[in-house]
């Protein structure tokens, strides 16, 4: 195992890389995978990449990822892009907290997202999937990304917020969609775009939609406080009943920021992951047949899909081949050595799944969609980085995998998706996630 990056190092050369942050940011936004691949081809395994949110020291290898994850969290500063993302996620978002407060909030939230607890939410996940499936007709063309967004959003409304009333669900659905639609990636990559201009323009529109969503969430938090039930499995109910280090309840603002983080991190990401998964299964009928055969093992209850390892292997293989978040980041508090270079204070250490997940020594035939590789061996956190790692490993990973398993386990035995076009699907940057461009059109066929 390599050593952690060392502090108190003498100034030295940065890794090679391009210049002019606006251009590099724009090039990444246009074609993330192609851009990262060209960086590696030109500059090597460690690259200095200037961005509008700071200077990245970007590792293309699992060894670099291991070195970052092995570094004590005290050596890192505030979360990357915190200033840009806080108006969206809230200042109390776990994604943006650091240090002691991050540790305390993560410890408080961890029991809520324990894998076993996700099984109590499986019924809500299954019902959201079934309700949407029943709107599709055999022979109908649907857009996979759009339909998975509907399912994922309903899962959030039912399993996270605990809302069952159709009218209230509809209000939340509209508010969430409108806020997400106005969350243009430019607003997050370019701080200069975050100006209201007297109440007009894209930033002002986004703030208006965000504030409307905040109002709905605040009211739902108030209602949940009045109706809190120890037996209630929904995540909002668990947050309302949670206590801080001194035994004090979480404030409305704290709960809202955690809910917003779940919404942003768990809606678009899971929807994109599911769209990519069904895309790959449609392109690989032999894998789909294998998966259906493996799923025939008898089991009962809506949580059955969460217990089938082949489904999780399929989800992980999809996330390997199509990472939804391309990189993970660690802002450097003080200068340190890394992979033979000096990383100055204020730079951001980063590793990219877009290259790590293509490593042939880890994943033979890396371009092939083969879920069974995740049944044949386990991959260390620095080898499979779709959920980050270390002290910032995605807290909602169990929720996301449970949802993917249940959506797949519900739809696959009933439906076959035929791709409308045989052409490969490229990546589109949506907000801060890597989604299939165009959303993937398919024809629905009942089995």
Protein backbone atom coordinates (compact mmCIF):
# COMPACT_ATOMS: atom_id res chain seq x y z
CA UNK A 1 0.00 0.00 0.00
CA UNK A 2 1.30 3.46 -0.82
CA UNK A 3 1.89 6.03 1.86
CA UNK A 4 -0.44 8.94 2.47
CA UNK A 5 0.56 12.29 0.94
CA UNK A 6 3.14 14.03 3.13
CA UNK A 7 2.79 17.54 4.54
CA UNK A 8 5.53 20.12 5.16
CA UNK A 9 7.05 19.54 1.74
CA UNK A 10 9.18 22.00 -0.19
CA UNK A 11 7.65 23.84 -3.13
CA UNK A 12 7.98 21.80 -6.27
CA UNK A 13 6.55 21.42 -9.74
CA UNK A 14 2.87 20.86 -10.34
CA UNK A 15 1.76 18.04 -12.62
CA UNK A 16 1.52 19.08 -16.28
CA UNK A 17 -1.77 20.29 -17.64
CA UNK A 18 -3.66 22.80 -19.78
CA UNK A 19 -4.30 26.47 -19.01
CA UNK A 20 -7.20 28.96 -18.89
CA UNK A 21 -9.94 27.75 -16.59
CA UNK A 22 -12.97 29.03 -18.56
CA UNK A 23 -11.98 27.02 -21.62
CA UNK A 24 -11.18 23.84 -19.67
CA UNK A 25 -14.47 24.05 -17.75
CA UNK A 26 -16.42 24.56 -20.98
CA UNK A 27 -14.64 21.65 -22.68
CA UNK A 28 -15.42 19.35 -19.74
CA UNK A 29 -19.07 20.42 -19.72
CA UNK A 30 -19.39 19.67 -23.44
CA UNK A 31 -17.84 16.17 -23.38
CA UNK A 32 -16.74 14.95 -19.92
CA UNK A 33 -15.53 11.49 -20.93
CA UNK A 34 -13.77 12.60 -24.10
CA UNK A 35 -12.15 15.55 -22.35
CA UNK A 36 -10.75 13.47 -19.47
CA UNK A 37 -9.46 10.83 -21.90
CA UNK A 38 -7.64 13.48 -23.97
CA UNK A 39 -6.12 14.99 -20.83
CA UNK A 40 -4.63 11.64 -19.89
CA UNK A 41 -3.37 10.93 -23.40
CA UNK A 42 -1.60 14.29 -23.53
CA UNK A 43 -0.39 14.82 -19.95
CA UNK A 44 -0.25 11.42 -18.22
CA UNK A 45 -1.72 9.84 -15.09
CA UNK A 46 -1.67 13.00 -12.93
CA UNK A 47 -2.85 16.26 -14.46
CA UNK A 48 -3.28 19.85 -13.29
CA UNK A 49 -6.68 21.00 -14.52
CA UNK A 50 -7.73 24.62 -13.95
CA UNK A 51 -11.48 25.07 -13.36
CA UNK A 52 -13.78 27.94 -12.42
CA UNK A 53 -14.03 26.47 -8.91
CA UNK A 54 -10.32 25.99 -8.31
CA UNK A 55 -7.23 24.14 -9.54
CA UNK A 56 -7.61 20.35 -9.66
CA UNK A 57 -4.76 17.89 -9.28
CA UNK A 58 -6.51 15.05 -11.07
CA UNK A 59 -5.46 11.40 -10.75
CA UNK A 60 -6.44 8.95 -13.44
CA UNK A 61 -5.47 5.80 -11.52
CA UNK A 62 -6.74 3.69 -8.64
CA UNK A 63 -3.34 4.10 -6.95
CA UNK A 64 -3.89 7.86 -6.88
CA UNK A 65 -7.39 7.33 -5.52
CA UNK A 66 -5.98 5.04 -2.81
CA UNK A 67 -3.49 7.72 -1.79
CA UNK A 68 -6.22 10.34 -1.51
CA UNK A 69 -8.56 8.08 0.48
CA UNK A 70 -5.74 7.11 2.85
CA UNK A 71 -5.10 10.73 3.76
CA UNK A 72 -6.46 11.85 7.16
CA UNK A 73 -9.47 14.10 6.73
CA UNK A 74 -7.82 16.81 8.88
CA UNK A 75 -5.51 17.59 5.98
CA UNK A 76 -8.41 18.69 3.81
CA UNK A 77 -10.36 21.93 3.89
CA UNK A 78 -13.91 22.88 2.96
CA UNK A 79 -15.81 20.87 0.39
CA UNK A 80 -15.04 21.50 -3.27
CA UNK A 81 -17.48 23.98 -4.78
CA UNK A 82 -19.13 24.72 -1.42
CA UNK A 83 -19.57 28.41 -2.18
CA UNK A 84 -21.21 27.62 -5.51
CA UNK A 85 -23.41 24.76 -4.33
CA UNK A 86 -24.57 26.08 -0.94
CA UNK A 87 -27.41 28.17 -2.44
CA UNK A 88 -28.71 24.94 -3.99
CA UNK A 89 -28.13 22.36 -1.25
CA UNK A 90 -28.13 24.64 1.78
CA UNK A 91 -25.22 25.47 4.06
CA UNK A 92 -26.04 22.48 6.29
CA UNK A 93 -25.81 19.91 3.51
CA UNK A 94 -23.64 16.96 4.48
CA UNK A 95 -21.95 17.22 1.08
CA UNK A 96 -20.65 20.68 1.98
CA UNK A 97 -19.76 20.26 5.66
CA UNK A 98 -16.22 19.58 6.84
CA UNK A 99 -14.31 18.80 10.01
CA UNK A 100 -16.02 18.22 13.34
CA UNK A 101 -19.46 19.27 12.10
CA UNK A 102 -19.26 16.85 9.19
CA UNK A 103 -18.31 14.00 11.53
CA UNK A 104 -21.14 14.84 13.93
CA UNK A 105 -23.81 15.13 11.23
CA UNK A 106 -22.65 11.98 9.49
CA UNK A 107 -22.74 10.03 12.76
CA UNK A 108 -26.24 11.34 13.43
CA UNK A 109 -27.53 10.45 9.95
CA UNK A 110 -25.82 7.07 9.48
CA UNK A 111 -28.47 4.94 11.29
CA UNK A 112 -31.16 6.42 9.05
CA UNK A 113 -29.42 5.06 5.94
CA UNK A 114 -28.30 1.70 7.26
CA UNK A 115 -28.78 -1.03 4.66
CA UNK A 116 -31.20 -3.01 6.83
CA UNK A 117 -33.42 0.04 7.26
CA UNK A 118 -33.72 0.36 3.48
CA UNK A 119 -35.74 -2.85 3.45
CA UNK A 120 -38.49 -1.10 5.39
CA UNK A 121 -38.78 1.34 2.49
CA UNK A 122 -38.89 -1.33 -0.23
CA UNK A 123 -42.69 -1.29 -0.39
CA UNK A 124 -42.72 2.42 -1.24
CA UNK A 125 -40.04 1.86 -3.89
CA UNK A 126 -41.96 -1.03 -5.45
CA UNK A 127 -45.30 0.77 -5.47
CA UNK A 128 -43.76 3.83 -7.16
CA UNK A 129 -42.34 1.54 -9.86
CA UNK A 130 -45.57 -0.40 -10.38
CA UNK A 131 -47.68 2.76 -10.60
CA UNK A 132 -45.51 4.14 -13.39
CA UNK A 133 -45.20 0.81 -15.19
CA UNK A 134 -48.98 0.58 -15.43
CA UNK A 135 -49.08 3.77 -17.51
CA UNK A 136 -46.98 2.20 -20.29
CA UNK A 137 -48.63 0.33 -23.15
CA UNK A 138 -47.02 -2.51 -25.06
CA UNK A 139 -45.58 -1.15 -28.31
CA UNK A 140 -45.38 2.38 -26.91
CA UNK A 141 -42.22 4.50 -27.22
CA UNK A 142 -40.95 5.97 -23.96
CA UNK A 143 -37.87 7.90 -22.93
CA UNK A 144 -35.95 5.87 -20.34
CA UNK A 145 -34.38 8.80 -18.52
CA UNK A 146 -37.65 10.71 -18.27
CA UNK A 147 -39.53 7.66 -17.01
CA UNK A 148 -36.84 6.73 -14.50
CA UNK A 149 -36.93 10.33 -13.26
CA UNK A 150 -40.65 9.96 -12.61
CA UNK A 151 -40.09 6.74 -10.67
CA UNK A 152 -37.12 8.12 -8.74
CA UNK A 153 -39.01 11.29 -7.88
CA UNK A 154 -41.98 9.28 -6.61
CA UNK A 155 -39.61 7.19 -4.49
CA UNK A 156 -38.28 10.40 -2.94
CA UNK A 157 -41.80 11.67 -2.26
CA UNK A 158 -43.01 8.39 -0.76
CA UNK A 159 -39.94 6.90 0.94
CA UNK A 160 -38.09 10.05 1.97
CA UNK A 161 -40.87 12.54 2.63
CA UNK A 162 -43.48 9.92 3.52
CA UNK A 163 -46.19 11.64 1.46
CA UNK A 164 -49.10 9.46 0.38
CA UNK A 165 -51.74 12.11 -0.46
CA UNK A 166 -52.03 12.40 -4.29
CA UNK A 167 -52.73 16.14 -4.28
CA UNK A 168 -49.76 16.96 -2.07
CA UNK A 169 -47.57 14.54 -4.02
CA UNK A 170 -48.49 16.42 -7.18
CA UNK A 171 -47.51 19.76 -5.68
CA UNK A 172 -44.15 18.42 -4.59
CA UNK A 173 -43.62 16.74 -7.94
CA UNK A 174 -44.15 20.01 -9.81
CA UNK A 175 -42.00 22.04 -7.40
CA UNK A 176 -39.10 19.58 -7.52
CA UNK A 177 -39.17 19.26 -11.30
CA UNK A 178 -39.26 23.01 -11.82
CA UNK A 179 -36.37 23.61 -9.43
CA UNK A 180 -34.26 20.90 -11.09
CA UNK A 181 -35.09 22.11 -14.60
CA UNK A 182 -33.85 25.60 -13.75
CA UNK A 183 -30.64 24.27 -12.15
CA UNK A 184 -28.45 24.82 -15.21
CA UNK A 185 -24.87 23.43 -14.92
CA UNK A 186 -23.50 26.86 -15.86
CA UNK A 187 -24.87 28.21 -12.56
CA UNK A 188 -22.71 25.76 -10.61
CA UNK A 189 -19.53 25.82 -12.69
CA UNK A 190 -19.42 29.63 -13.10
CA UNK A 191 -19.87 31.64 -9.91
CA UNK A 192 -20.32 34.79 -12.00
CA UNK A 193 -23.61 33.38 -13.30
CA UNK A 194 -25.11 33.53 -9.80
CA UNK A 195 -26.52 37.05 -10.02
CA UNK A 196 -30.17 38.02 -9.82
CA UNK A 197 -30.03 41.01 -12.22
CA UNK A 198 -33.03 42.65 -10.59
CA UNK A 199 -35.14 39.51 -10.43
CA UNK A 200 -34.68 38.36 -14.03
CA UNK A 201 -32.40 35.82 -15.66
CA UNK A 202 -31.64 32.13 -15.01
CA UNK A 203 -30.32 32.60 -11.44
CA UNK A 204 -33.35 34.60 -10.35
CA UNK A 205 -35.68 32.01 -11.88
CA UNK A 206 -33.87 29.23 -10.09
CA UNK A 207 -34.02 31.03 -6.72
CA UNK A 208 -37.76 31.58 -7.15
CA UNK A 209 -38.35 27.86 -7.82
CA UNK A 210 -35.99 26.86 -5.00
CA UNK A 211 -37.78 29.08 -2.50
CA UNK A 212 -41.12 27.60 -3.50
CA UNK A 213 -39.74 24.11 -2.83
CA UNK A 214 -38.30 25.31 0.50
CA UNK A 215 -41.75 26.48 1.54
CA UNK A 216 -43.33 23.11 0.80
CA UNK A 217 -40.57 21.30 2.67
CA UNK A 218 -40.86 23.57 5.70
CA UNK A 219 -44.58 22.85 5.92
CA UNK A 220 -44.01 19.11 5.58
CA UNK A 221 -41.39 19.22 8.34
CA UNK A 222 -43.87 21.05 10.59
CA UNK A 223 -46.55 18.41 9.94
CA UNK A 224 -44.10 15.59 10.51
CA UNK A 225 -43.12 17.03 13.91
CA UNK A 226 -46.78 16.91 14.94
CA UNK A 227 -47.30 13.34 13.70
CA UNK A 228 -43.94 11.77 14.55
CA UNK A 229 -44.19 8.02 15.08
CA UNK A 230 -41.40 5.72 16.24
CA UNK A 231 -42.66 3.03 13.87
CA UNK A 232 -42.69 5.32 10.84
CA UNK A 233 -39.94 4.17 8.42
CA UNK A 234 -39.81 7.31 6.29
CA UNK A 235 -36.58 9.26 6.32
CA UNK A 236 -38.20 12.61 7.17
CA UNK A 237 -39.78 11.04 10.25
CA UNK A 238 -36.41 9.64 11.32
CA UNK A 239 -34.78 13.06 10.92
CA UNK A 240 -37.51 14.78 12.92
CA UNK A 241 -36.91 12.34 15.78
CA UNK A 242 -33.11 12.47 15.58
CA UNK A 243 -31.04 14.30 18.20
CA UNK A 244 -27.76 16.17 18.01
CA UNK A 245 -24.68 15.58 20.18
CA UNK A 246 -26.23 17.40 23.16
CA UNK A 247 -29.59 15.70 22.73
CA UNK A 248 -31.20 18.65 20.96
CA UNK A 249 -33.56 18.07 18.01
CA UNK A 250 -32.47 19.05 14.52
CA UNK A 251 -33.65 22.47 13.39
CA UNK A 252 -36.01 22.86 10.45
CA UNK A 253 -33.15 24.33 8.41
CA UNK A 254 -30.91 21.34 9.18
CA UNK A 255 -33.61 18.87 8.19
CA UNK A 256 -34.46 20.81 5.03
CA UNK A 257 -30.81 20.91 3.94
CA UNK A 258 -30.49 17.15 4.45
CA UNK A 259 -33.71 16.57 2.49
CA UNK A 260 -32.52 18.82 -0.34
CA UNK A 261 -29.24 16.92 -0.48
CA UNK A 262 -31.13 13.64 -0.73
CA UNK A 263 -33.37 15.06 -3.40
CA UNK A 264 -30.53 16.42 -5.55
CA UNK A 265 -28.10 13.57 -4.88
CA UNK A 266 -30.70 10.81 -4.98
CA UNK A 267 -33.12 11.80 -7.73
CA UNK A 268 -31.16 12.69 -10.86
CA UNK A 269 -28.33 10.30 -10.01
CA UNK A 270 -30.47 7.20 -9.51
CA UNK A 271 -32.66 8.02 -12.50
CA UNK A 272 -29.59 8.33 -14.74
CA UNK A 273 -28.09 5.13 -13.32
CA UNK A 274 -31.32 3.21 -14.02
CA UNK A 275 -31.56 4.61 -17.55
CA UNK A 276 -27.98 3.51 -18.27
CA UNK A 277 -28.69 0.08 -16.75
CA UNK A 278 -31.73 -0.66 -18.91
CA UNK A 279 -29.81 0.70 -21.92
CA UNK A 280 -26.99 -1.79 -21.34
CA UNK A 281 -29.42 -4.67 -20.71
CA UNK A 282 -31.20 -3.83 -23.98
CA UNK A 283 -27.88 -3.84 -25.83
CA UNK A 284 -26.83 -7.12 -24.20
CA UNK A 285 -29.73 -9.62 -24.41
CA UNK A 286 -27.49 -12.46 -23.22
CA UNK A 287 -26.79 -10.58 -19.98
CA UNK A 288 -30.49 -9.82 -19.62
CA UNK A 289 -31.36 -13.52 -20.05
CA UNK A 290 -28.73 -14.46 -17.47
CA UNK A 291 -30.12 -11.92 -15.04
CA UNK A 292 -33.72 -13.11 -15.51
CA UNK A 293 -32.69 -16.72 -14.97
CA UNK A 294 -30.81 -15.80 -11.78
CA UNK A 295 -33.83 -13.86 -10.50
CA UNK A 296 -36.11 -16.92 -10.60
CA UNK A 297 -34.98 -18.01 -7.15
CA UNK A 298 -38.13 -18.03 -4.98
CA UNK A 299 -38.52 -15.17 -2.51
CA UNK A 300 -41.41 -13.25 -1.02
CA UNK A 301 -42.29 -9.66 -0.24
CA UNK A 302 -41.42 -6.38 -1.96
CA UNK A 303 -37.96 -6.46 -0.39
CA UNK A 304 -37.08 -9.60 -2.41
CA UNK A 305 -35.20 -7.61 -5.05
CA UNK A 306 -32.99 -5.96 -2.46
CA UNK A 307 -31.71 -9.39 -1.43
CA UNK A 308 -30.76 -10.65 -4.89
CA UNK A 309 -27.04 -10.19 -5.36
CA UNK A 310 -27.18 -10.42 -9.16
CA UNK A 311 -29.28 -7.26 -9.28
CA UNK A 312 -26.78 -5.34 -7.19
CA UNK A 313 -23.95 -6.69 -9.34
CA UNK A 314 -25.81 -5.38 -12.39
CA UNK A 315 -26.31 -2.00 -10.74
CA UNK A 316 -22.63 -1.77 -9.83
CA UNK A 317 -21.50 -2.78 -13.32
CA UNK A 318 -23.72 -0.07 -14.78
CA UNK A 319 -22.23 2.49 -12.38
CA UNK A 320 -18.74 1.29 -13.30
CA UNK A 321 -19.28 1.65 -17.02
CA UNK A 322 -21.35 4.84 -16.69
CA UNK A 323 -20.29 6.77 -13.56
CA UNK A 324 -22.96 9.30 -12.63
CA UNK A 325 -20.50 11.52 -10.75
CA UNK A 326 -17.27 11.63 -12.72
CA UNK A 327 -14.85 12.58 -9.93
CA UNK A 328 -14.47 12.93 -6.18
CA UNK A 329 -12.65 15.88 -4.62
CA UNK A 330 -10.56 16.81 -1.57
CA UNK A 331 -9.50 20.49 -1.16
CA UNK A 332 -5.98 20.64 0.33
CA UNK A 333 -5.55 22.55 3.60
CA UNK A 334 -1.72 22.67 3.46
CA UNK A 335 0.84 21.69 0.84
CA UNK A 336 1.61 17.98 0.46
CA UNK A 337 3.33 15.59 -1.89
CA UNK A 338 1.19 13.40 -4.10
CA UNK A 339 2.26 10.88 -6.74
CA UNK A 340 5.70 12.53 -6.99
CA UNK A 341 4.39 16.09 -7.28
CA UNK A 342 3.80 18.93 -4.86
CA UNK A 343 0.17 19.92 -4.26
CA UNK A 344 -0.04 23.49 -2.93
CA UNK A 345 -2.45 24.75 -0.31
CA UNK A 346 -5.80 25.62 -1.85
CA UNK A 347 -5.57 23.10 -4.70
CA UNK A 348 -8.03 20.23 -4.95
CA UNK A 349 -6.96 16.61 -5.05
CA UNK A 350 -9.26 14.59 -7.24
CA UNK A 351 -9.60 11.14 -8.81
CA UNK A 352 -11.79 10.29 -11.77
CA UNK A 353 -14.02 7.25 -12.11
CA UNK A 354 -14.08 7.85 -15.87
CA UNK A 355 -10.52 6.48 -16.10
CA UNK A 356 -10.21 4.30 -12.98
CA UNK A 357 -13.18 2.18 -14.06
CA UNK A 358 -11.49 1.52 -17.43
CA UNK A 359 -8.34 0.01 -15.86
CA UNK A 360 -7.82 -3.35 -17.61
CA UNK A 361 -5.82 -4.73 -14.69
CA UNK A 362 -8.91 -4.31 -12.49
CA UNK A 363 -11.64 -4.82 -15.06
CA UNK A 364 -10.61 -7.08 -17.97
CA UNK A 365 -12.36 -6.00 -21.16
CA UNK A 366 -13.46 -2.79 -19.46
CA UNK A 367 -15.78 -1.70 -22.28
CA UNK A 368 -17.82 -4.90 -21.94
CA UNK A 369 -20.97 -4.86 -19.77
CA UNK A 370 -20.43 -7.91 -17.56
CA UNK A 371 -22.18 -7.75 -14.15
CA UNK A 372 -20.79 -11.16 -13.11
CA UNK A 373 -17.39 -9.53 -12.48
CA UNK A 374 -18.89 -8.10 -9.26
CA UNK A 375 -19.86 -11.62 -8.16
CA UNK A 376 -16.40 -13.01 -8.88
CA UNK A 377 -14.45 -10.63 -6.66
CA UNK A 378 -14.77 -7.63 -4.36
CA UNK A 379 -13.40 -4.24 -5.34
CA UNK A 380 -11.72 -1.91 -2.87
CA UNK A 381 -13.03 1.65 -2.42
CA UNK A 382 -10.20 3.07 -4.53
CA UNK A 383 -10.99 0.62 -7.35
CA UNK A 384 -14.74 1.27 -7.54
CA UNK A 385 -15.30 4.95 -6.81
CA UNK A 386 -18.88 5.60 -7.93
CA UNK A 387 -19.85 6.38 -4.33
CA UNK A 388 -16.65 8.21 -3.43
CA UNK A 389 -14.82 6.79 -0.44
CA UNK A 390 -13.28 7.33 2.95
CA UNK A 391 -14.95 9.76 5.34
CA UNK A 392 -16.98 11.20 2.43
CA UNK A 393 -18.34 7.92 1.09
CA UNK A 394 -21.89 8.52 -0.16
CA UNK A 395 -24.20 8.07 2.82
CA UNK A 396 -27.12 7.28 0.54
CA UNK A 397 -25.41 4.46 -1.36
CA UNK A 398 -27.53 1.76 0.34
CA UNK A 399 -30.68 3.70 -0.53
CA UNK A 400 -29.60 4.11 -4.17
CA UNK A 401 -28.65 0.45 -4.62
CA UNK A 402 -31.86 -0.75 -2.94
CA UNK A 403 -33.90 1.46 -5.27
CA UNK A 404 -32.04 0.27 -8.36
CA UNK A 405 -32.45 -3.37 -7.31
CA UNK A 406 -36.18 -3.02 -6.71
CA UNK A 407 -36.88 -1.06 -9.90
CA UNK A 408 -34.97 -3.66 -11.95
CA UNK A 409 -36.54 -6.57 -10.07
CA UNK A 410 -40.03 -5.16 -10.64
CA UNK A 411 -39.74 -4.19 -14.32
CA UNK A 412 -37.51 -6.85 -15.87
CA UNK A 413 -39.80 -9.89 -15.36
CA UNK A 414 -42.68 -7.96 -16.93
CA UNK A 415 -41.17 -5.84 -19.69
CA UNK A 416 -38.54 -5.82 -22.40
CA UNK A 417 -37.15 -2.50 -23.67
CA UNK A 418 -36.18 -2.33 -27.35
CA UNK A 419 -33.79 0.46 -28.30
CA UNK A 420 -35.17 2.75 -30.99
CA UNK A 421 -31.69 3.52 -32.31
CA UNK A 422 -28.66 1.18 -32.37
CA UNK A 423 -26.27 4.14 -32.20
CA UNK A 424 -24.17 4.49 -29.03
CA UNK A 425 -25.48 7.03 -26.52
CA UNK A 426 -23.16 9.84 -25.47
CA UNK A 427 -22.90 11.61 -22.12
CA UNK A 428 -24.74 14.82 -21.30
CA UNK A 429 -23.91 16.90 -18.23
CA UNK A 430 -27.14 17.51 -16.30
CA UNK A 431 -26.67 19.74 -13.27
CA UNK A 432 -23.54 18.01 -11.89
CA UNK A 433 -24.39 14.47 -13.02
CA UNK A 434 -23.41 12.52 -16.15
CA UNK A 435 -26.64 11.43 -17.85
CA UNK A 436 -27.40 9.76 -21.19
CA UNK A 437 -27.77 12.42 -23.88
CA UNK A 438 -31.30 12.50 -25.24
CA UNK A 439 -32.51 10.22 -22.47
CA UNK A 440 -32.60 6.97 -24.57
CA UNK A 441 -35.81 6.21 -26.49
CA UNK A 442 -37.09 2.62 -26.25
CA UNK A 443 -40.16 0.60 -27.29
CA UNK A 444 -41.93 -1.17 -24.42
CA UNK A 445 -42.80 -4.86 -24.93
CA UNK A 446 -44.66 -6.96 -22.39
CA UNK A 447 -43.11 -10.36 -21.82
